[in-house]
Amino acid sequence: MGTRSAQELWSAALGELQVQVSKPNYRTWLEKTVGLSYQDDQFVVSAPNVFVAEYLDRNQRSLIEKTLISITASPDISVVFQVDGRYKNSSGAHDAAGKHSPAAPLSSPAFKSNYIFDTFVVGKCNHFAYAAAQGAALNPGQSYNPLFIYGGVGLGKTHLLHAIGQAATAHHINVICVSAEQFTNEFVNAVRDRKTDEFRHKYRSAGMLLMDDIHFISGKEQTEESFFHIFNELHNANRQIVLTSDPPPKSMTSLTERLRSRFEWGLLVDIQPPDFETRLAILQAKVKQSGVEATLEILEFLARRALPNIRELEGSLNRVIAYARLFQTAPTIELATRALENIAAKEPKSTSITPGQILKAVADSFQISLEDLKGRRRDKETALARRVAMYLLRQETNSSVARIGQELGGRDPSAVTNACKNITGDINANPYLRRKILDIQKRINSVPNPKKRRAN
């Protein structure tokens, strides 16, 4: 198959991978990858740098190959990761040494061009959040300050954040748009390089501050302290602040009370999962944007699948479109059913690997007891083991962050989210930890499934 087919296959694969891994993992490791070629059961994936290629090869090869096998129906497919020089020294990427290359200037945020108000599909589930976002963009600092948008993964929070930023930039407002993780990393670097004055000046001179995934800073005392003072100065100057988060402020128990109360000063709005009508409208908009042909019957068929978020919905559409192009035919209900049957038939991760298996494997690897892993011991080794357990529970099962918190002694969901993101960052810089997690994953996946054993 030619390059175009590889690109289409990889687009469908990314649609599935996007809902199988966490959002930070997808952004860090998969977002900038490209399908280069597919010949003789070998699929070549372009990675932006050596570090990403090595990580995918060591940690995500199995998942990627399983995904491509389900799409291509070729049981012998293998993946090769190749570095593409086009992304060398790109903003925010990692170089081969694992260091961050310089980020783009904060005054010129890299907005996603299609994340504007005109492309946001409004329904019952999100109309209040949409109206509030427009109000913040058109009258910054006047109506809702701060504006706090919260809701589940893949429901459009980042889309609204970028839409606000692009509307404000068009009116010559100096916008800073960052994720809380980027803010934290920049603060840590500023402290290390003794450039905290420059750091504070950048943020305090912003005309508008947009921050994605604010829950990430929960429990990071110095970062919270820095953000607290920046928040106060911007708010006192009537500069618009917009924050997004998975949980609402009241659920962020690891956050200091003074910050949590400030998040509730303005307007709190949530985004709910889309209903059938909204799902259909989203699919129609997606088809129009991409210029592909799909009948209303096909779109209704996809919309009736009650998927929990927009990302999964668009992933299903991408898969059907890729199948139609591969077989050089128009999308039909029969083809859509065939394209999606492997997804429907897949056994959920939680039935093949149980939380108990993961916790035992982690405890054995770190040579600690399950009681200590789930308990309140806070020595360095036990705390690391607990974070690794949270990360693997998130990666290897369908458990929610709330369920993971319960499995580990009733811990707060925001603590689980932070632990997963911290481990993702630590893996990048620590070869020992990367190898340890890989060994645990191999041990987990080699354990026979007790349900399957009983069925035989």
Protein backbone atom coordinates (compact mmCIF):
# COMPACT_ATOMS: atom_id res chain seq x y z
CA MET A 1 0.00 0.00 0.00
CA GLY A 2 1.12 3.55 -0.66
CA THR A 3 1.86 6.42 1.66
CA ARG A 4 -1.69 7.70 1.52
CA SER A 5 -3.07 4.39 2.75
CA ALA A 6 -0.59 4.37 5.63
CA GLN A 7 -1.65 7.88 6.61
CA GLU A 8 -5.32 6.93 6.53
CA LEU A 9 -4.71 3.77 8.54
CA TRP A 10 -2.71 5.69 11.12
CA SER A 11 -5.44 8.34 11.37
CA ALA A 12 -7.91 5.58 12.25
CA ALA A 13 -5.43 4.04 14.68
CA LEU A 14 -4.87 7.38 16.42
CA GLY A 15 -8.62 7.73 16.80
CA GLU A 16 -8.63 4.53 18.83
CA LEU A 17 -5.37 5.14 20.69
CA GLN A 18 -6.61 8.54 21.79
CA VAL A 19 -9.31 6.90 23.89
CA GLN A 20 -7.13 4.05 25.15
CA VAL A 21 -4.39 6.15 26.75
CA SER A 22 -4.56 9.18 29.02
CA LYS A 23 -4.67 12.66 27.50
CA PRO A 24 -1.15 13.61 28.71
CA ASN A 25 0.26 10.37 27.29
CA TYR A 26 -1.43 10.95 23.95
CA ARG A 27 -0.21 14.53 23.71
CA THR A 28 3.35 13.63 24.71
CA TRP A 29 3.91 10.45 22.72
CA LEU A 30 1.36 10.07 19.91
CA GLU A 31 -0.03 13.43 18.81
CA LYS A 32 2.87 14.28 16.45
CA THR A 33 3.33 10.82 14.97
CA VAL A 34 2.59 10.09 11.29
CA GLY A 35 1.93 6.90 9.33
CA LEU A 36 4.70 6.74 6.70
CA SER A 37 4.32 3.40 4.92
CA TYR A 38 2.68 -0.01 5.10
CA GLN A 39 4.20 -2.84 3.06
CA ASP A 40 4.66 -6.58 3.63
CA ASP A 41 2.94 -6.39 7.04
CA GLN A 42 5.46 -3.78 8.21
CA PHE A 43 3.95 -0.47 9.31
CA VAL A 44 6.37 2.47 9.63
CA VAL A 45 5.46 5.24 12.06
CA SER A 46 7.25 8.58 12.01
CA ALA A 47 8.13 10.00 15.46
CA PRO A 48 9.21 13.63 16.06
CA ASN A 49 12.47 12.64 17.78
CA VAL A 50 14.58 9.72 19.00
CA PHE A 51 13.23 9.92 22.54
CA VAL A 52 9.61 9.52 21.46
CA ALA A 53 10.53 6.71 19.06
CA GLU A 54 12.34 4.80 21.81
CA TYR A 55 9.51 5.27 24.29
CA LEU A 56 6.88 4.04 21.84
CA ASP A 57 9.04 1.09 20.88
CA ARG A 58 9.55 0.03 24.50
CA ASN A 59 6.21 0.89 26.09
CA GLN A 60 3.45 1.15 23.48
CA ARG A 61 4.45 -1.28 20.72
CA SER A 62 2.04 -4.01 21.85
CA LEU A 63 -0.94 -1.66 22.12
CA ILE A 64 -0.18 -0.03 18.76
CA GLU A 65 0.25 -3.36 16.97
CA LYS A 66 -3.00 -4.71 18.47
CA THR A 67 -4.80 -1.58 17.29
CA LEU A 68 -3.40 -1.84 13.76
CA ILE A 69 -4.18 -5.56 13.62
CA SER A 70 -7.82 -4.85 14.50
CA ILE A 71 -8.02 -2.22 11.74
CA THR A 72 -6.16 -4.08 9.00
CA ALA A 73 -7.22 -7.63 9.94
CA SER A 74 -3.58 -8.63 9.33
CA PRO A 75 -2.42 -10.83 12.25
CA ASP A 76 1.26 -10.54 11.40
CA ILE A 77 1.62 -6.78 11.29
CA SER A 78 4.71 -5.29 12.96
CA VAL A 79 5.52 -1.67 13.71
CA VAL A 80 8.77 0.18 13.09
CA PHE A 81 9.35 3.63 14.58
CA GLN A 82 11.39 6.04 12.49
CA VAL A 83 12.58 9.53 13.44
CA ASP A 84 11.35 12.29 11.16
CA GLY A 85 13.67 15.32 11.00
CA ARG A 86 10.79 17.64 10.18
CA TYR A 87 10.03 17.94 13.91
CA LYS A 88 13.60 18.52 15.04
CA ASN A 89 13.78 21.25 17.69
CA SER A 90 10.02 21.75 17.55
CA SER A 91 8.52 23.74 20.39
CA GLY A 92 7.88 21.79 23.53
CA ALA A 93 9.35 18.56 22.17
CA HIS A 94 11.98 16.46 23.90
CA ASP A 95 15.41 16.02 22.41
CA ALA A 96 17.33 12.78 22.54
CA ALA A 97 18.80 13.66 25.91
CA GLY A 98 15.34 13.99 27.39
CA LYS A 99 15.51 17.74 27.86
CA HIS A 100 12.84 20.22 26.85
CA SER A 101 13.69 22.40 23.91
CA PRO A 102 12.72 26.05 24.31
CA ALA A 103 9.03 26.71 24.33
CA ALA A 104 7.37 29.24 22.07
CA PRO A 105 7.02 32.75 23.51
CA LEU A 106 4.15 32.96 25.95
CA SER A 107 2.74 35.97 24.16
CA SER A 108 2.23 33.87 21.03
CA PRO A 109 0.43 30.70 22.21
CA ALA A 110 0.12 27.83 19.74
CA PHE A 111 -3.64 27.60 19.43
CA LYS A 112 -5.25 24.79 17.47
CA SER A 113 -6.58 26.63 14.42
CA ASN A 114 -9.81 24.60 14.24
CA TYR A 115 -10.61 25.19 17.92
CA ILE A 116 -12.77 28.27 17.42
CA PHE A 117 -16.33 29.12 18.45
CA ASP A 118 -17.67 28.51 14.94
CA THR A 119 -16.56 24.87 14.97
CA PHE A 120 -17.85 24.12 18.47
CA VAL A 121 -21.10 22.15 18.26
CA VAL A 122 -23.57 23.44 20.84
CA GLY A 123 -26.15 21.18 22.49
CA LYS A 124 -28.00 20.79 25.78
CA CYS A 125 -24.89 19.28 27.32
CA ASN A 126 -22.65 22.31 26.79
CA HIS A 127 -24.69 25.39 25.84
CA PHE A 128 -24.13 27.11 29.21
CA ALA A 129 -20.36 26.56 29.02
CA TYR A 130 -20.35 27.83 25.42
CA ALA A 131 -22.27 31.01 26.34
CA ALA A 132 -20.02 31.65 29.33
CA ALA A 133 -16.90 31.19 27.18
CA GLN A 134 -18.18 33.69 24.64
CA GLY A 135 -18.93 36.13 27.44
CA ALA A 136 -15.39 35.84 28.78
CA ALA A 137 -13.95 36.33 25.28
CA LEU A 138 -16.10 39.35 24.38
CA ASN A 139 -16.01 41.08 27.79
CA PRO A 140 -12.80 39.89 29.43
CA GLY A 141 -12.50 40.56 33.13
CA GLN A 142 -16.01 41.99 33.37
CA SER A 143 -18.61 39.24 33.70
CA TYR A 144 -17.13 35.92 34.82
CA ASN A 145 -13.73 36.11 36.47
CA PRO A 146 -12.47 33.53 36.88
CA LEU A 147 -14.41 31.30 34.50
CA PHE A 148 -13.96 27.67 35.62
CA ILE A 149 -15.00 24.99 33.10
CA TYR A 150 -15.02 21.38 34.28
CA GLY A 151 -16.14 18.01 32.92
CA GLY A 152 -14.96 14.59 31.79
CA VAL A 153 -12.22 13.79 29.30
CA GLY A 154 -12.87 14.57 25.63
CA LEU A 155 -15.96 16.77 26.05
CA GLY A 156 -14.61 20.05 24.61
CA LYS A 157 -13.00 21.97 27.48
CA THR A 158 -9.75 22.58 25.60
CA HIS A 159 -11.70 23.52 22.47
CA LEU A 160 -13.49 26.31 24.38
CA LEU A 161 -10.25 27.45 26.00
CA HIS A 162 -8.53 27.84 22.62
CA ALA A 163 -11.64 29.51 21.16
CA ILE A 164 -11.55 32.12 23.91
CA GLY A 165 -7.85 32.70 23.33
CA GLN A 166 -8.15 33.12 19.58
CA ALA A 167 -11.08 35.52 19.91
CA ALA A 168 -9.14 37.59 22.47
CA THR A 169 -5.97 37.57 20.37
CA ALA A 170 -7.97 38.93 17.44
CA HIS A 171 -8.76 41.94 19.66
CA HIS A 172 -5.03 42.44 20.37
CA ILE A 173 -5.12 41.09 23.92
CA ASN A 174 -1.87 39.52 25.13
CA VAL A 175 -3.02 35.96 25.85
CA ILE A 176 -1.08 33.33 27.77
CA CYS A 177 -2.51 29.86 27.15
CA VAL A 178 -0.76 26.93 28.87
CA SER A 179 -1.54 23.65 30.54
CA ALA A 180 -0.99 23.44 34.28
CA GLU A 181 1.74 20.91 33.57
CA GLN A 182 3.57 23.41 31.33
CA PHE A 183 3.16 26.10 33.98
CA THR A 184 4.61 23.77 36.62
CA ASN A 185 7.57 22.77 34.46
CA GLU A 186 8.33 26.38 33.62
CA PHE A 187 8.17 27.36 37.29
CA VAL A 188 10.53 24.52 38.28
CA ASN A 189 12.96 25.55 35.53
CA ALA A 190 12.77 29.19 36.63
CA VAL A 191 13.61 28.24 40.22
CA ARG A 192 16.48 26.02 39.05
CA ASP A 193 17.90 28.72 36.76
CA ARG A 194 17.23 31.53 39.25
CA LYS A 195 14.90 33.29 36.84
CA THR A 196 11.79 33.52 39.00
CA ASP A 197 11.55 37.29 38.47
CA GLU A 198 11.31 36.76 34.69
CA PHE A 199 8.76 34.01 35.24
CA ARG A 200 6.56 36.20 37.44
CA HIS A 201 6.84 39.13 35.03
CA LYS A 202 5.68 37.03 32.07
CA TYR A 203 2.54 35.83 33.79
CA ARG A 204 1.68 39.00 35.68
CA SER A 205 1.88 41.04 32.48
CA ALA A 206 -0.68 38.85 30.72
CA GLY A 207 -3.83 40.46 29.41
CA MET A 208 -5.62 37.12 29.73
CA LEU A 209 -4.55 33.85 31.36
CA LEU A 210 -5.96 30.55 30.09
CA MET A 211 -4.88 27.38 31.91
CA ASP A 212 -5.86 23.83 30.97
CA ASP A 213 -6.08 20.96 33.50
CA ILE A 214 -5.59 23.18 36.55
CA HIS A 215 -6.11 20.14 38.82
CA PHE A 216 -2.55 19.14 37.90
CA ILE A 217 -1.08 21.65 40.38
CA SER A 218 -2.96 20.13 43.35
CA GLY A 219 -0.53 19.17 46.10
CA LYS A 220 2.45 20.98 44.54
CA GLU A 221 2.97 23.52 47.29
CA GLN A 222 5.47 25.88 45.65
CA THR A 223 3.63 25.85 42.32
CA GLU A 224 0.34 26.55 44.10
CA GLU A 225 1.97 29.41 46.01
CA SER A 226 3.31 30.94 42.80
CA PHE A 227 0.00 30.59 41.00
CA PHE A 228 -1.88 32.04 44.00
CA HIS A 229 0.03 35.33 43.77
CA ILE A 230 -0.24 35.48 39.97
CA PHE A 231 -3.98 34.83 40.22
CA ASN A 232 -4.43 37.62 42.78
CA GLU A 233 -2.51 40.19 40.74
CA LEU A 234 -4.34 39.41 37.49
CA HIS A 235 -7.74 39.31 39.19
CA ASN A 236 -7.14 42.63 40.97
CA ALA A 237 -6.24 44.17 37.59
CA ASN A 238 -9.48 42.78 36.04
CA ARG A 239 -7.50 40.53 33.69
CA GLN A 240 -9.58 37.58 32.54
CA ILE A 241 -8.68 34.16 33.96
CA VAL A 242 -10.14 30.95 32.48
CA LEU A 243 -9.39 27.55 33.98
CA THR A 244 -10.38 24.04 32.93
CA SER A 245 -10.36 20.89 35.03
CA ASP A 246 -11.71 17.36 35.07
CA PRO A 247 -13.11 17.66 38.64
CA PRO A 248 -14.84 20.74 40.10
CA PRO A 249 -12.95 22.79 42.72
CA LYS A 250 -14.77 21.22 45.68
CA SER A 251 -13.44 17.79 44.66
CA MET A 252 -9.82 19.00 44.53
CA THR A 253 -9.14 18.23 48.19
CA SER A 254 -5.35 18.31 47.75
CA LEU A 255 -5.58 21.96 46.71
CA THR A 256 -5.13 24.65 49.37
CA GLU A 257 -8.39 26.11 50.63
CA ARG A 258 -7.47 29.67 49.63
CA LEU A 259 -6.93 28.66 45.98
CA ARG A 260 -10.03 26.47 45.91
CA SER A 261 -12.15 29.35 47.19
CA ARG A 262 -10.72 31.69 44.54
CA PHE A 263 -11.64 29.25 41.78
CA GLU A 264 -15.23 29.61 42.98
CA TRP A 265 -15.22 33.42 42.99
CA GLY A 266 -16.48 33.71 39.44
CA LEU A 267 -18.57 31.26 37.44
CA LEU A 268 -18.43 27.46 37.55
CA VAL A 269 -19.81 25.67 34.48
CA ASP A 270 -19.75 22.00 33.64
CA ILE A 271 -19.90 20.10 30.35
CA GLN A 272 -21.90 16.88 30.24
CA PRO A 273 -21.55 13.95 27.80
CA PRO A 274 -23.39 14.69 24.52
CA ASP A 275 -26.89 13.35 23.90
CA PHE A 276 -27.95 11.73 20.61
CA GLU A 277 -28.84 15.00 18.86
CA THR A 278 -25.55 16.60 19.84
CA ARG A 279 -23.55 13.53 18.82
CA LEU A 280 -25.24 13.60 15.41
CA ALA A 281 -24.53 17.33 15.00
CA ILE A 282 -20.87 16.77 15.95
CA LEU A 283 -20.53 14.03 13.33
CA GLN A 284 -22.18 16.21 10.67
CA ALA A 285 -19.77 19.05 11.48
CA LYS A 286 -16.79 16.69 11.40
CA VAL A 287 -17.80 15.34 7.98
CA LYS A 288 -18.24 18.85 6.63
CA GLN A 289 -14.82 19.97 7.92
CA SER A 290 -12.99 16.95 6.52
CA GLY A 291 -14.77 17.02 3.15
CA VAL A 292 -15.67 13.32 3.20
CA GLU A 293 -18.96 11.84 2.03
CA ALA A 294 -21.20 10.08 4.54
CA THR A 295 -24.96 9.65 4.44
CA LEU A 296 -27.27 10.71 7.25
CA GLU A 297 -28.03 7.01 7.79
CA ILE A 298 -24.36 6.30 8.53
CA LEU A 299 -24.04 9.27 10.87
CA GLU A 300 -27.18 8.30 12.77
CA PHE A 301 -25.84 4.76 13.08
CA LEU A 302 -22.65 6.11 14.67
CA ALA A 303 -24.51 8.64 16.85
CA ARG A 304 -26.70 5.90 18.35
CA ARG A 305 -23.62 4.28 19.82
CA ALA A 306 -23.71 5.90 23.26
CA LEU A 307 -20.00 6.73 23.47
CA PRO A 308 -18.99 8.69 26.58
CA ASN A 309 -17.03 11.48 24.89
CA ILE A 310 -16.48 13.31 21.62
CA ARG A 311 -13.01 11.86 21.15
CA GLU A 312 -14.36 8.31 20.95
CA LEU A 313 -17.17 9.45 18.68
CA GLU A 314 -14.76 11.06 16.22
CA GLY A 315 -12.48 8.02 16.48
CA SER A 316 -15.33 5.78 15.31
CA LEU A 317 -16.03 8.08 12.37
CA ASN A 318 -12.32 8.14 11.44
CA ARG A 319 -12.23 4.37 11.51
CA VAL A 320 -15.25 4.01 9.21
CA ILE A 321 -13.83 6.59 6.77
CA ALA A 322 -10.46 4.82 6.74
CA TYR A 323 -12.14 1.49 5.99
CA ALA A 324 -14.14 3.02 3.15
CA ARG A 325 -11.00 4.50 1.58
CA LEU A 326 -9.03 1.29 1.99
CA PHE A 327 -11.74 -0.73 0.24
CA GLN A 328 -12.38 2.10 -2.24
CA THR A 329 -16.10 2.19 -1.58
CA ALA A 330 -18.67 4.57 -0.13
CA PRO A 331 -19.43 4.16 3.59
CA THR A 332 -22.43 1.88 4.22
CA ILE A 333 -24.07 0.49 7.34
CA GLU A 334 -22.59 -2.90 6.53
CA LEU A 335 -19.08 -1.45 6.17
CA ALA A 336 -19.49 0.64 9.35
CA THR A 337 -20.59 -2.45 11.27
CA ARG A 338 -17.58 -4.35 9.96
CA ALA A 339 -15.21 -1.49 10.78
CA LEU A 340 -16.47 -1.23 14.35
CA GLU A 341 -17.09 -4.89 15.14
CA ASN A 342 -13.57 -5.44 16.48
CA ILE A 343 -14.07 -2.56 18.90
CA ALA A 344 -17.40 -3.92 20.09
CA ALA A 345 -15.96 -7.42 20.40
CA LYS A 346 -12.91 -6.35 22.36
CA GLU A 347 -12.90 -7.62 25.91
CA PRO A 348 -12.62 -4.65 28.30
CA LYS A 349 -9.19 -4.27 29.79
CA SER A 350 -10.55 -4.62 33.29
CA THR A 351 -11.78 -8.17 32.57
CA SER A 352 -8.40 -9.38 31.35
CA ILE A 353 -6.22 -7.64 33.94
CA THR A 354 -7.63 -7.01 37.39
CA PRO A 355 -6.61 -4.22 39.79
CA GLY A 356 -5.58 -6.92 42.26
CA GLN A 357 -3.09 -8.41 39.80
CA ILE A 358 -1.54 -5.00 39.18
CA LEU A 359 -1.26 -4.12 42.87
CA LYS A 360 0.35 -7.48 43.66
CA ALA A 361 2.83 -7.13 40.79
CA VAL A 362 3.82 -3.63 41.93
CA ALA A 363 4.15 -4.70 45.57
CA ASP A 364 6.32 -7.68 44.57
CA SER A 365 8.51 -5.53 42.32
CA PHE A 366 9.13 -2.95 45.06
CA GLN A 367 9.35 -5.65 47.75
CA ILE A 368 6.70 -4.12 49.97
CA SER A 369 3.44 -5.52 51.34
CA LEU A 370 0.03 -4.86 49.82
CA GLU A 371 -1.00 -3.34 53.15
CA ASP A 372 1.78 -0.76 52.94
CA LEU A 373 1.02 -0.07 49.27
CA LYS A 374 -2.62 0.71 50.13
CA GLY A 375 -1.85 2.27 53.49
CA ARG A 376 -0.43 5.55 54.74
CA ARG A 377 3.32 4.89 54.75
CA ARG A 378 5.05 7.81 53.08
CA ASP A 379 8.70 6.79 52.82
CA LYS A 380 10.24 7.49 49.41
CA GLU A 381 10.14 3.92 48.06
CA THR A 382 6.56 3.22 49.16
CA ALA A 383 5.32 6.54 47.81
CA LEU A 384 6.96 5.81 44.43
CA ALA A 385 5.43 2.32 44.34
CA ARG A 386 2.00 3.81 45.05
CA ARG A 387 2.36 6.31 42.18
CA VAL A 388 3.48 3.52 39.85
CA ALA A 389 0.44 1.47 40.89
CA MET A 390 -1.88 4.38 40.10
CA TYR A 391 -0.21 4.86 36.73
CA LEU A 392 -0.49 1.19 35.79
CA LEU A 393 -4.10 0.94 36.97
CA ARG A 394 -4.87 3.87 34.68
CA GLN A 395 -2.92 2.40 31.75
CA GLU A 396 -3.91 -1.26 32.00
CA THR A 397 -7.56 -1.12 33.11
CA ASN A 398 -10.72 0.86 32.42
CA SER A 399 -10.89 2.02 36.05
CA SER A 400 -11.81 5.64 36.71
CA VAL A 401 -9.55 7.81 38.82
CA ALA A 402 -12.14 7.58 41.60
CA ARG A 403 -12.06 3.76 41.48
CA ILE A 404 -8.25 3.78 41.48
CA GLY A 405 -8.28 6.00 44.54
CA GLN A 406 -10.56 3.53 46.31
CA GLU A 407 -8.30 0.59 45.38
CA LEU A 408 -5.39 2.39 47.05
CA GLY A 409 -6.95 3.17 50.39
CA GLY A 410 -9.54 5.80 49.52
CA ARG A 411 -7.27 8.42 48.02
CA ASP A 412 -8.54 11.56 46.32
CA PRO A 413 -9.13 11.36 42.51
CA SER A 414 -7.00 14.47 41.96
CA ALA A 415 -4.10 12.75 43.73
CA VAL A 416 -4.43 9.85 41.28
CA THR A 417 -4.45 12.23 38.31
CA ASN A 418 -1.36 14.03 39.59
CA ALA A 419 0.45 10.76 40.28
CA CYS A 420 -0.19 9.49 36.75
CA LYS A 421 1.07 12.71 35.19
CA ASN A 422 4.14 12.79 37.46
CA ILE A 423 5.07 9.22 36.59
CA THR A 424 4.65 10.01 32.88
CA GLY A 425 7.18 12.81 33.29
CA ASP A 426 9.51 10.73 35.47
CA ILE A 427 9.58 7.93 32.90
CA ASN A 428 11.05 10.38 30.41
CA ALA A 429 14.02 11.24 32.60
CA ASN A 430 14.62 8.04 34.55
CA PRO A 431 15.73 4.93 32.58
CA TYR A 432 15.67 2.79 35.76
CA LEU A 433 12.03 3.64 36.45
CA ARG A 434 11.14 3.15 32.79
CA ARG A 435 12.64 -0.34 32.82
CA LYS A 436 10.99 -1.20 36.14
CA ILE A 437 7.54 -0.24 34.86
CA LEU A 438 8.14 -2.16 31.64
CA ASP A 439 9.10 -5.26 33.67
CA ILE A 440 5.95 -4.93 35.79
CA GLN A 441 3.82 -4.59 32.64
CA LYS A 442 5.38 -7.76 31.20
CA ARG A 443 4.70 -9.58 34.47
CA ILE A 444 1.09 -8.41 34.51
CA ASN A 445 0.40 -9.40 30.92
CA SER A 446 1.98 -12.83 31.39
CA VAL A 447 -0.36 -13.76 34.26
CA PRO A 448 -3.13 -16.12 33.05
CA ASN A 449 -6.61 -14.67 33.15
CA PRO A 450 -8.50 -16.64 35.87
CA LYS A 451 -11.84 -16.14 34.11
CA LYS A 452 -10.52 -17.59 30.88
CA ARG A 453 -8.88 -20.49 32.75
CA ARG A 454 -12.19 -21.44 34.37
CA ALA A 455 -13.94 -21.26 31.00
CA ASN A 456 -11.65 -23.85 29.43
